[in-house]
């Protein structure tokens, strides 16, 4: 936001959502493994629903910020693209954990 990259680089939003999905998956995986929250559902349900919740919450934040600033740049197409890249980042985090041998579920 400081350098206005979201407005000067139209593609900047894509890697940010990918990395956000990556981080969110790692965070949700930590919650699943090391907190009592992990006992409420299977790993797939917990992680996918968590990614959906975080992605939608961020899109609502972007929408409100867009309307407050009267920018008018947030569209349905942009939001769907953002959610897709959130999930691609989450999938990359899953494969990363699998690759380095840290993927595990509760026993």
N, C-alpha and C. Protein backbone atom coordinates (compact mmCIF):
# COMPACT_ATOMS: atom_id res chain seq x y z
N UNK A 1 0.83 -1.19 0.00
CA UNK A 1 0.00 0.00 0.00
C UNK A 1 0.87 1.26 0.00
N UNK A 2 2.02 1.21 0.69
CA UNK A 2 2.86 2.39 0.82
C UNK A 2 3.35 2.90 -0.53
N UNK A 3 3.76 1.99 -1.40
CA UNK A 3 4.27 2.37 -2.72
C UNK A 3 3.18 2.39 -3.80
N UNK A 4 1.93 2.14 -3.42
CA UNK A 4 0.78 2.14 -4.33
C UNK A 4 0.92 1.09 -5.43
N UNK A 5 1.54 -0.05 -5.13
CA UNK A 5 1.75 -1.08 -6.14
C UNK A 5 0.44 -1.70 -6.61
N UNK A 6 -0.57 -1.71 -5.76
CA UNK A 6 -1.87 -2.25 -6.17
C UNK A 6 -2.48 -1.44 -7.30
N UNK A 7 -2.14 -0.18 -7.40
CA UNK A 7 -2.71 0.67 -8.44
C UNK A 7 -1.76 0.86 -9.61
N UNK A 8 -0.45 0.82 -9.38
CA UNK A 8 0.50 1.04 -10.46
C UNK A 8 0.89 -0.26 -11.17
N UNK A 9 0.78 -1.40 -10.51
CA UNK A 9 1.09 -2.70 -11.11
C UNK A 9 -0.19 -3.55 -11.09
N UNK A 10 -0.91 -3.63 -12.19
CA UNK A 10 -2.21 -4.31 -12.18
C UNK A 10 -2.13 -5.80 -11.85
N UNK A 11 -0.98 -6.44 -12.04
CA UNK A 11 -0.83 -7.86 -11.77
C UNK A 11 -0.40 -8.14 -10.34
N UNK A 12 -0.09 -7.12 -9.56
CA UNK A 12 0.47 -7.29 -8.22
C UNK A 12 -0.48 -8.05 -7.29
N UNK A 13 -1.77 -7.95 -7.52
CA UNK A 13 -2.78 -8.61 -6.71
C UNK A 13 -2.67 -10.14 -6.80
N UNK A 14 -2.24 -10.66 -7.95
CA UNK A 14 -2.20 -12.10 -8.17
C UNK A 14 -1.18 -12.79 -7.25
N UNK A 15 0.10 -12.38 -7.23
CA UNK A 15 1.02 -13.06 -6.32
C UNK A 15 0.68 -12.84 -4.84
N UNK A 16 0.08 -11.70 -4.54
CA UNK A 16 -0.29 -11.46 -3.14
C UNK A 16 -1.36 -12.44 -2.67
N UNK A 17 -2.33 -12.74 -3.52
CA UNK A 17 -3.36 -13.71 -3.14
C UNK A 17 -2.79 -15.13 -3.12
N UNK A 18 -1.91 -15.45 -4.04
CA UNK A 18 -1.26 -16.75 -4.03
C UNK A 18 -0.48 -16.95 -2.74
N UNK A 19 0.33 -15.96 -2.37
CA UNK A 19 1.12 -16.06 -1.14
C UNK A 19 0.22 -16.02 0.10
N UNK A 20 -0.87 -15.28 0.03
CA UNK A 20 -1.83 -15.27 1.14
C UNK A 20 -2.46 -16.63 1.35
N UNK A 21 -2.84 -17.30 0.26
CA UNK A 21 -3.39 -18.65 0.36
C UNK A 21 -2.36 -19.64 0.89
N UNK A 22 -1.10 -19.48 0.45
CA UNK A 22 -0.01 -20.33 0.94
C UNK A 22 0.14 -20.17 2.45
N UNK A 23 0.22 -18.92 2.89
CA UNK A 23 0.38 -18.64 4.31
C UNK A 23 -0.83 -19.13 5.11
N UNK A 24 -2.03 -18.89 4.59
CA UNK A 24 -3.24 -19.29 5.30
C UNK A 24 -3.28 -20.81 5.49
N UNK A 25 -2.89 -21.57 4.46
CA UNK A 25 -2.88 -23.02 4.57
C UNK A 25 -1.88 -23.46 5.65
N UNK A 26 -0.68 -22.87 5.65
CA UNK A 26 0.31 -23.23 6.68
C UNK A 26 -0.21 -22.89 8.07
N UNK A 27 -0.86 -21.74 8.21
CA UNK A 27 -1.41 -21.34 9.50
C UNK A 27 -2.53 -22.27 9.94
N UNK A 28 -3.42 -22.61 9.01
CA UNK A 28 -4.53 -23.52 9.33
C UNK A 28 -4.01 -24.92 9.66
N UNK A 29 -2.96 -25.35 8.97
CA UNK A 29 -2.37 -26.65 9.26
C UNK A 29 -1.79 -26.66 10.68
N UNK A 30 -1.15 -25.56 11.06
CA UNK A 30 -0.64 -25.45 12.43
C UNK A 30 -1.79 -25.52 13.43
N UNK A 31 -2.86 -24.77 13.18
CA UNK A 31 -4.01 -24.81 14.07
C UNK A 31 -4.59 -26.22 14.17
N UNK A 32 -4.65 -26.90 13.04
CA UNK A 32 -5.21 -28.25 13.02
C UNK A 32 -4.36 -29.21 13.86
N UNK A 33 -3.06 -29.10 13.75
CA UNK A 33 -2.18 -30.05 14.42
C UNK A 33 -1.96 -29.75 15.90
N UNK A 34 -1.90 -28.49 16.27
CA UNK A 34 -1.42 -28.13 17.60
C UNK A 34 -2.42 -27.42 18.50
N UNK A 35 -3.66 -27.32 18.08
CA UNK A 35 -4.67 -26.70 18.94
C UNK A 35 -5.91 -27.59 19.00
N UNK A 36 -6.76 -27.38 19.97
CA UNK A 36 -8.00 -28.16 20.04
C UNK A 36 -8.94 -27.94 18.85
N UNK A 37 -8.73 -26.88 18.08
CA UNK A 37 -9.58 -26.64 16.91
C UNK A 37 -9.48 -27.78 15.91
N UNK A 38 -8.34 -28.47 15.89
CA UNK A 38 -8.15 -29.55 14.95
C UNK A 38 -9.03 -30.76 15.21
N UNK A 39 -9.66 -30.81 16.35
CA UNK A 39 -10.50 -31.95 16.68
C UNK A 39 -11.94 -31.80 16.18
N UNK A 40 -12.25 -30.65 15.58
CA UNK A 40 -13.65 -30.41 15.20
C UNK A 40 -14.02 -30.99 13.84
N UNK A 41 -13.03 -31.32 13.00
CA UNK A 41 -13.35 -31.84 11.66
C UNK A 41 -12.15 -32.59 11.10
N UNK A 42 -12.38 -33.26 10.00
CA UNK A 42 -11.28 -33.93 9.30
C UNK A 42 -10.34 -32.87 8.73
N UNK A 43 -9.09 -33.24 8.42
CA UNK A 43 -8.17 -32.23 7.92
C UNK A 43 -8.65 -31.55 6.64
N UNK A 44 -9.22 -32.32 5.73
CA UNK A 44 -9.68 -31.72 4.46
C UNK A 44 -10.77 -30.69 4.70
N UNK A 45 -11.74 -31.04 5.51
CA UNK A 45 -12.85 -30.12 5.79
C UNK A 45 -12.34 -28.89 6.54
N UNK A 46 -11.49 -29.10 7.53
CA UNK A 46 -10.96 -28.00 8.33
C UNK A 46 -10.15 -27.04 7.47
N UNK A 47 -9.24 -27.59 6.65
CA UNK A 47 -8.35 -26.74 5.86
C UNK A 47 -9.08 -26.04 4.72
N UNK A 48 -9.94 -26.74 4.01
CA UNK A 48 -10.65 -26.12 2.90
C UNK A 48 -11.65 -25.07 3.40
N UNK A 49 -12.40 -25.40 4.44
CA UNK A 49 -13.34 -24.41 4.97
C UNK A 49 -12.60 -23.21 5.57
N UNK A 50 -11.46 -23.45 6.17
CA UNK A 50 -10.65 -22.34 6.68
C UNK A 50 -10.16 -21.44 5.57
N UNK A 51 -9.70 -22.04 4.46
CA UNK A 51 -9.26 -21.24 3.31
C UNK A 51 -10.42 -20.43 2.74
N UNK A 52 -11.59 -21.06 2.64
CA UNK A 52 -12.78 -20.34 2.14
C UNK A 52 -13.10 -19.17 3.06
N UNK A 53 -13.10 -19.40 4.37
CA UNK A 53 -13.42 -18.34 5.32
C UNK A 53 -12.43 -17.19 5.23
N UNK A 54 -11.13 -17.51 5.24
CA UNK A 54 -10.12 -16.45 5.19
C UNK A 54 -10.19 -15.70 3.86
N UNK A 55 -10.36 -16.43 2.76
CA UNK A 55 -10.44 -15.78 1.45
C UNK A 55 -11.65 -14.87 1.33
N UNK A 56 -12.81 -15.35 1.78
CA UNK A 56 -14.01 -14.52 1.72
C UNK A 56 -13.92 -13.32 2.66
N UNK A 57 -13.34 -13.53 3.83
CA UNK A 57 -13.17 -12.41 4.77
C UNK A 57 -12.28 -11.33 4.16
N UNK A 58 -11.22 -11.76 3.47
CA UNK A 58 -10.33 -10.79 2.84
C UNK A 58 -11.04 -10.06 1.69
N UNK A 59 -11.85 -10.78 0.93
CA UNK A 59 -12.59 -10.14 -0.16
C UNK A 59 -13.59 -9.13 0.38
N UNK A 60 -14.22 -9.43 1.50
CA UNK A 60 -15.14 -8.46 2.13
C UNK A 60 -14.36 -7.23 2.58
N UNK A 61 -13.18 -7.45 3.16
CA UNK A 61 -12.33 -6.33 3.56
C UNK A 61 -11.97 -5.47 2.35
N UNK A 62 -11.55 -6.13 1.24
CA UNK A 62 -11.22 -5.37 0.03
C UNK A 62 -12.42 -4.60 -0.50
N UNK A 63 -13.59 -5.21 -0.47
CA UNK A 63 -14.80 -4.56 -0.96
C UNK A 63 -15.11 -3.32 -0.12
N UNK A 64 -15.07 -3.46 1.20
CA UNK A 64 -15.36 -2.32 2.08
C UNK A 64 -14.32 -1.22 1.88
N UNK A 65 -13.04 -1.59 1.81
CA UNK A 65 -11.99 -0.60 1.59
C UNK A 65 -12.18 0.10 0.25
N UNK A 66 -12.58 -0.66 -0.76
CA UNK A 66 -12.84 -0.10 -2.09
C UNK A 66 -13.98 0.91 -2.05
N UNK A 67 -15.05 0.58 -1.32
CA UNK A 67 -16.20 1.47 -1.25
C UNK A 67 -15.92 2.70 -0.39
N UNK A 68 -15.19 2.52 0.70
CA UNK A 68 -14.85 3.67 1.55
C UNK A 68 -13.97 4.65 0.78
N UNK A 69 -12.99 4.10 0.05
CA UNK A 69 -12.10 4.95 -0.73
C UNK A 69 -12.70 5.41 -2.04
N UNK A 70 -13.91 4.95 -2.34
CA UNK A 70 -14.62 5.32 -3.57
C UNK A 70 -13.76 5.07 -4.81
N UNK A 71 -13.06 3.90 -4.82
CA UNK A 71 -12.21 3.58 -5.95
C UNK A 71 -12.98 2.90 -7.07
N UNK A 72 -13.90 1.99 -6.71
CA UNK A 72 -14.71 1.31 -7.70
C UNK A 72 -13.97 0.32 -8.57
N UNK A 73 -12.90 -0.29 -8.04
CA UNK A 73 -12.13 -1.23 -8.86
C UNK A 73 -12.45 -2.69 -8.55
N UNK A 74 -13.12 -2.98 -7.45
CA UNK A 74 -13.43 -4.36 -7.08
C UNK A 74 -14.67 -4.82 -7.85
N UNK A 75 -14.52 -5.93 -8.58
CA UNK A 75 -15.62 -6.51 -9.33
C UNK A 75 -15.77 -7.98 -8.94
N UNK A 76 -16.87 -8.58 -9.37
CA UNK A 76 -17.08 -10.01 -9.12
C UNK A 76 -15.97 -10.82 -9.78
N UNK A 77 -15.62 -10.45 -11.01
CA UNK A 77 -14.56 -11.17 -11.73
C UNK A 77 -13.24 -11.11 -10.95
N UNK A 78 -12.90 -9.95 -10.42
CA UNK A 78 -11.68 -9.79 -9.65
C UNK A 78 -11.74 -10.64 -8.38
N UNK A 79 -12.88 -10.66 -7.72
CA UNK A 79 -13.02 -11.43 -6.48
C UNK A 79 -12.90 -12.92 -6.75
N UNK A 80 -13.48 -13.41 -7.83
CA UNK A 80 -13.37 -14.83 -8.17
C UNK A 80 -11.93 -15.18 -8.50
N UNK A 81 -11.25 -14.33 -9.26
CA UNK A 81 -9.84 -14.54 -9.57
C UNK A 81 -9.02 -14.59 -8.29
N UNK A 82 -9.29 -13.68 -7.37
CA UNK A 82 -8.57 -13.66 -6.11
C UNK A 82 -8.78 -14.94 -5.31
N UNK A 83 -10.00 -15.43 -5.25
CA UNK A 83 -10.29 -16.67 -4.52
C UNK A 83 -9.62 -17.87 -5.18
N UNK A 84 -9.56 -17.88 -6.50
CA UNK A 84 -8.86 -18.96 -7.20
C UNK A 84 -7.39 -18.96 -6.83
N UNK A 85 -6.77 -17.80 -6.81
CA UNK A 85 -5.36 -17.74 -6.46
C UNK A 85 -5.12 -18.03 -4.98
N UNK A 86 -6.09 -17.72 -4.12
CA UNK A 86 -6.00 -18.13 -2.72
C UNK A 86 -5.92 -19.66 -2.63
N UNK A 87 -6.78 -20.34 -3.39
CA UNK A 87 -6.79 -21.81 -3.36
C UNK A 87 -5.56 -22.41 -4.03
N UNK A 88 -5.07 -21.78 -5.10
CA UNK A 88 -3.83 -22.27 -5.71
C UNK A 88 -2.66 -22.15 -4.75
N UNK A 89 -2.61 -21.06 -3.99
CA UNK A 89 -1.57 -20.91 -2.97
C UNK A 89 -1.71 -21.95 -1.88
N UNK A 90 -2.95 -22.24 -1.45
CA UNK A 90 -3.18 -23.29 -0.46
C UNK A 90 -2.76 -24.65 -0.97
N UNK A 91 -3.05 -24.94 -2.24
CA UNK A 91 -2.64 -26.20 -2.84
C UNK A 91 -1.13 -26.30 -2.92
N UNK A 92 -0.47 -25.20 -3.26
CA UNK A 92 0.99 -25.20 -3.32
C UNK A 92 1.58 -25.47 -1.93
N UNK A 93 0.96 -24.91 -0.89
CA UNK A 93 1.44 -25.15 0.48
C UNK A 93 1.27 -26.62 0.85
N UNK A 94 0.16 -27.23 0.44
CA UNK A 94 -0.05 -28.64 0.70
C UNK A 94 1.06 -29.47 0.04
N UNK A 95 1.31 -29.22 -1.24
CA UNK A 95 2.34 -29.98 -1.95
C UNK A 95 3.73 -29.69 -1.40
N UNK A 96 3.96 -28.47 -0.94
CA UNK A 96 5.23 -28.14 -0.30
C UNK A 96 5.43 -28.96 0.97
N UNK A 97 4.40 -29.01 1.82
CA UNK A 97 4.51 -29.80 3.05
C UNK A 97 4.68 -31.28 2.73
N UNK A 98 4.00 -31.77 1.71
CA UNK A 98 4.14 -33.16 1.28
C UNK A 98 5.57 -33.42 0.81
N UNK A 99 6.11 -32.50 0.01
CA UNK A 99 7.44 -32.66 -0.58
C UNK A 99 8.53 -32.70 0.47
N UNK A 100 8.46 -31.81 1.45
CA UNK A 100 9.52 -31.77 2.46
C UNK A 100 9.28 -32.75 3.59
N UNK A 101 8.18 -33.49 3.53
CA UNK A 101 7.93 -34.54 4.50
C UNK A 101 7.31 -34.09 5.81
N UNK A 102 6.74 -32.91 5.84
CA UNK A 102 6.14 -32.41 7.08
C UNK A 102 4.62 -32.57 7.11
N UNK A 103 4.00 -33.05 6.02
CA UNK A 103 2.56 -33.21 6.01
C UNK A 103 2.20 -34.38 6.92
N UNK A 104 1.34 -34.11 7.86
CA UNK A 104 0.85 -35.15 8.75
C UNK A 104 -0.53 -34.78 9.22
N UNK A 105 -1.25 -35.76 9.70
CA UNK A 105 -2.56 -35.50 10.27
C UNK A 105 -2.57 -36.05 11.69
N UNK A 106 -3.59 -35.66 12.43
CA UNK A 106 -3.71 -36.17 13.79
C UNK A 106 -3.97 -37.66 13.76
N UNK A 107 -3.42 -38.36 14.69
CA UNK A 107 -3.64 -39.82 14.79
C UNK A 107 -4.73 -40.11 15.79
